Protein backbone atom coordinates (compact mmCIF):
# COMPACT_ATOMS: atom_id res chain seq x y z
CA UNK A 1 125.25 107.80 79.32
CA UNK A 2 125.34 105.33 82.62
CA UNK A 3 127.44 107.74 85.35
CA UNK A 4 129.62 104.94 86.22
CA UNK A 5 132.68 104.73 83.93
CA UNK A 6 132.68 100.50 84.02
CA UNK A 7 128.95 100.81 82.16
CA UNK A 8 128.14 101.94 78.99
CA UNK A 9 125.12 102.45 76.69
CA UNK A 10 124.86 98.83 76.45
CA UNK A 11 124.74 97.81 80.09
CA UNK A 12 122.17 96.50 81.63
CA UNK A 13 121.23 95.35 85.03
CA UNK A 14 123.40 92.00 85.09
CA UNK A 15 126.42 94.20 84.70
CA UNK A 16 125.37 95.47 88.12
CA UNK A 17 125.25 92.67 89.68
CA UNK A 18 127.61 90.38 88.13
CA UNK A 19 130.27 93.18 89.59
CA UNK A 20 128.84 92.78 92.62
CA UNK A 21 128.42 89.14 93.08
CA UNK A 22 128.81 89.34 96.91
CA UNK A 23 126.21 91.45 97.50
CA UNK A 24 124.05 91.29 94.67
CA UNK A 25 124.65 87.61 93.62
CA UNK A 26 121.56 86.35 96.02
CA UNK A 27 119.14 88.55 93.85
CA UNK A 28 119.39 86.16 91.37
CA UNK A 29 117.86 83.43 92.85
CA UNK A 30 115.50 85.51 94.97
CA UNK A 31 113.81 86.96 91.50
CA UNK A 32 113.72 83.73 90.21
CA UNK A 33 111.48 82.28 93.08
CA UNK A 34 109.54 85.06 93.07
CA UNK A 35 108.94 85.56 89.33
CA UNK A 36 108.92 82.21 88.13
CA UNK A 37 108.32 80.20 91.36
CA UNK A 38 104.79 77.98 91.78
CA UNK A 39 101.87 80.60 92.29
CA UNK A 40 98.57 81.39 91.94
CA UNK A 41 99.62 83.88 89.30
CA UNK A 42 100.54 83.44 86.22
CA UNK A 43 104.43 84.54 84.70
CA UNK A 44 101.97 86.97 82.55
CA UNK A 45 100.48 88.27 85.21
CA UNK A 46 103.27 88.83 87.13
CA UNK A 47 105.81 90.54 84.58
CA UNK A 48 102.36 92.89 84.29
CA UNK A 49 102.82 93.98 87.86
CA UNK A 50 106.29 94.18 87.60
CA UNK A 51 105.82 97.07 84.25
CA UNK A 52 103.24 98.33 86.21
CA UNK A 53 105.25 99.31 88.88
CA UNK A 54 108.26 100.02 86.95
CA UNK A 55 105.97 102.63 85.21
CA UNK A 56 104.72 104.83 87.87
CA UNK A 57 108.69 105.07 88.96
CA UNK A 58 109.08 106.21 85.40
CA UNK A 59 112.01 103.64 84.97
CA UNK A 60 112.62 103.68 80.98
CA UNK A 61 114.77 100.44 81.73
CA UNK A 62 112.77 98.05 84.22
CA UNK A 63 109.23 99.81 81.66
CA UNK A 64 110.78 98.82 78.36
CA UNK A 65 111.68 95.64 79.29
CA UNK A 66 108.79 94.18 81.33
CA UNK A 67 106.37 95.56 79.08
CA UNK A 68 108.36 93.32 76.46
CA UNK A 69 108.33 90.26 78.72
CA UNK A 70 104.67 90.86 79.23
CA UNK A 71 104.39 91.07 75.40
CA UNK A 72 106.24 87.65 75.04
CA UNK A 73 103.58 85.67 77.35
CA UNK A 74 100.56 87.46 75.83
CA UNK A 75 99.99 91.08 77.40
CA UNK A 76 99.27 93.47 75.15
CA UNK A 77 101.68 96.54 76.14
CA UNK A 78 98.21 98.74 75.92
CA UNK A 79 96.96 96.69 79.16
CA UNK A 80 99.62 98.55 80.98
CA UNK A 81 99.07 102.04 79.58
CA UNK A 82 95.48 101.94 80.53
CA UNK A 83 96.53 100.58 83.72
CA UNK A 84 98.89 103.65 84.09
CA UNK A 85 96.22 106.02 83.07
CA UNK A 86 93.29 104.64 85.08
CA UNK A 87 93.14 101.41 87.02
CA UNK A 88 89.85 101.69 87.38
CA UNK A 89 88.70 101.43 83.49
CA UNK A 90 91.55 99.25 82.71
CA UNK A 91 90.40 95.58 80.31
CA UNK A 92 91.74 93.91 83.13
CA UNK A 93 89.65 91.34 85.82
CA UNK A 94 87.70 93.29 88.36
CA UNK A 95 89.17 90.73 90.69
CA UNK A 96 92.90 92.01 90.10
CA UNK A 97 91.68 96.04 90.40
CA UNK A 98 92.23 95.94 93.80
CA UNK A 99 96.06 94.62 93.18
CA UNK A 100 96.78 97.36 91.08
CA UNK A 101 95.39 100.17 93.58
CA UNK A 102 97.51 98.13 96.32
CA UNK A 103 100.70 98.01 94.24
CA UNK A 104 100.07 101.61 93.49
CA UNK A 105 99.82 102.60 96.61
CA UNK A 106 102.53 100.24 98.07
CA UNK A 107 104.80 102.26 95.15
CA UNK A 108 104.05 105.82 95.84
CA UNK A 109 102.81 106.31 99.21
CA UNK A 110 103.39 103.01 101.51
CA UNK A 111 103.24 104.12 104.89
CA UNK A 112 99.54 105.23 103.44
CA UNK A 113 98.67 101.45 103.06
CA UNK A 114 95.92 100.35 105.60
CA UNK A 115 94.00 97.86 106.58
CA UNK A 116 91.07 98.29 104.13
CA UNK A 117 93.46 98.62 101.15
CA UNK A 118 94.71 94.61 102.24
CA UNK A 119 90.84 93.58 102.59
CA UNK A 120 90.05 95.58 98.73
CA UNK A 121 92.65 92.57 97.73
CA UNK A 122 90.91 89.76 100.26
CA UNK A 123 87.37 90.86 99.46
CA UNK A 124 88.11 89.35 95.73
CA UNK A 125 88.47 86.06 97.21
CA UNK A 126 93.17 86.29 97.16
CA UNK A 127 94.76 84.97 100.03
CA UNK A 128 97.13 86.63 102.55
CA UNK A 129 99.70 84.24 100.74
CA UNK A 130 98.52 85.66 97.49
CA UNK A 131 98.92 89.43 98.29
CA UNK A 132 103.07 88.72 100.16
CA UNK A 133 103.57 87.63 96.73
CA UNK A 134 102.04 90.81 95.25
CA UNK A 135 103.82 92.76 97.83
CA UNK A 136 107.81 90.40 96.99
CA UNK A 137 107.41 91.64 93.65
CA UNK A 138 106.37 95.59 93.92
CA UNK A 139 109.02 96.00 96.44
CA UNK A 140 111.70 94.06 94.23
CA UNK A 141 111.10 95.68 90.89
CA UNK A 142 111.02 99.10 93.10
CA UNK A 143 114.52 98.06 94.26
CA UNK A 144 115.21 97.14 90.73
CA UNK A 145 114.21 100.54 89.42
CA UNK A 146 116.41 102.60 91.42
CA UNK A 147 119.26 100.47 91.38
CA UNK A 148 119.14 100.92 87.03
CA UNK A 149 118.30 104.48 87.37
CA UNK A 150 120.75 105.45 90.35
CA UNK A 151 123.77 103.59 87.77
CA UNK A 152 122.14 105.66 85.12
CA UNK A 153 120.97 102.85 83.08
CA UNK A 154 118.32 103.78 80.46
CA UNK A 155 118.86 101.05 77.73
CA UNK A 156 116.98 101.62 74.31
CA UNK A 157 114.13 99.73 72.25
CA UNK A 158 116.93 96.97 71.23
CA UNK A 159 118.32 95.94 74.90
CA UNK A 160 114.99 95.82 76.11
CA UNK A 161 113.51 93.25 73.47
CA UNK A 162 116.75 91.06 74.03
CA UNK A 163 116.77 91.12 77.73
CA UNK A 164 112.68 90.52 76.94
CA UNK A 165 113.03 87.60 75.37
CA UNK A 166 115.98 86.02 77.65
CA UNK A 167 113.42 86.48 80.61
CA UNK A 168 110.80 84.93 79.32
CA UNK A 169 113.05 81.79 77.66
CA UNK A 170 115.34 81.19 81.02
CA UNK A 171 113.43 83.30 83.68
CA UNK A 172 116.04 84.68 86.01
CA UNK A 173 118.40 82.39 87.56
CA UNK A 174 122.11 83.38 86.72
CA UNK A 175 123.96 79.94 86.53
CA UNK A 176 126.92 80.10 89.28
CA UNK A 177 129.67 80.00 86.31
CA UNK A 178 128.42 83.47 84.89
CA UNK A 179 132.12 85.02 85.66
CA UNK A 180 133.83 82.50 83.53
CA UNK A 181 131.73 83.10 80.63
CA UNK A 182 131.08 86.62 80.71
CA UNK A 183 133.17 87.67 77.26
CA UNK A 184 131.67 85.46 75.94
CA UNK A 185 128.17 86.39 76.88
CA UNK A 186 129.39 90.29 75.32
CA UNK A 187 130.28 88.99 72.00
CA UNK A 188 126.99 87.10 72.04
CA UNK A 189 124.79 90.21 73.07
CA UNK A 190 126.61 92.60 70.69
CA UNK A 191 125.44 90.56 68.16
CA UNK A 192 121.98 89.77 68.83
CA UNK A 193 121.65 93.92 69.60
CA UNK A 194 122.67 94.60 65.90
CA UNK A 195 119.87 91.87 64.55
CA UNK A 196 117.50 93.83 67.03
CA UNK A 197 118.89 97.29 65.20
CA UNK A 198 118.52 95.66 61.71
């Protein structure tokens, strides 16, 4: 169970951000721009980056959710598992491997990043803008991982797939009137979660 009274076993990231719109509301727009904005990376690749970072952090909620989103975009969960085991032998393109090495170091030991880590990415044909985008995704999900784990939100398979379907279809943006329809959303969510369980 989560650590806060206003949260429960059905809670997800929106139950944190909706309760603190003044400070956390801008994250919705930033997340949409980072994860669904114009890019040299596909939505599938970005979700793979998100799942990988969340796996490194052992954040069960974000890992379960973004493995499921990536799967909705055609990425096998086994690819994420293999990346977490060993980037060098993972079944991805060779020019992507330095990106995952960079994400790993950014997540686990960011202060040890050097120019050679960036050059390994550039030498595979990626631009500075591409690497900055990878950094933004890494930073975003390190933040979200800690936000969820800090509140004690772990989720379950039904919630992961419910959220994944929403993100795959609608992206990360949240309408301005969200506070007005929270009750309706909660009822809809409960109904859909029960469908996933059955």
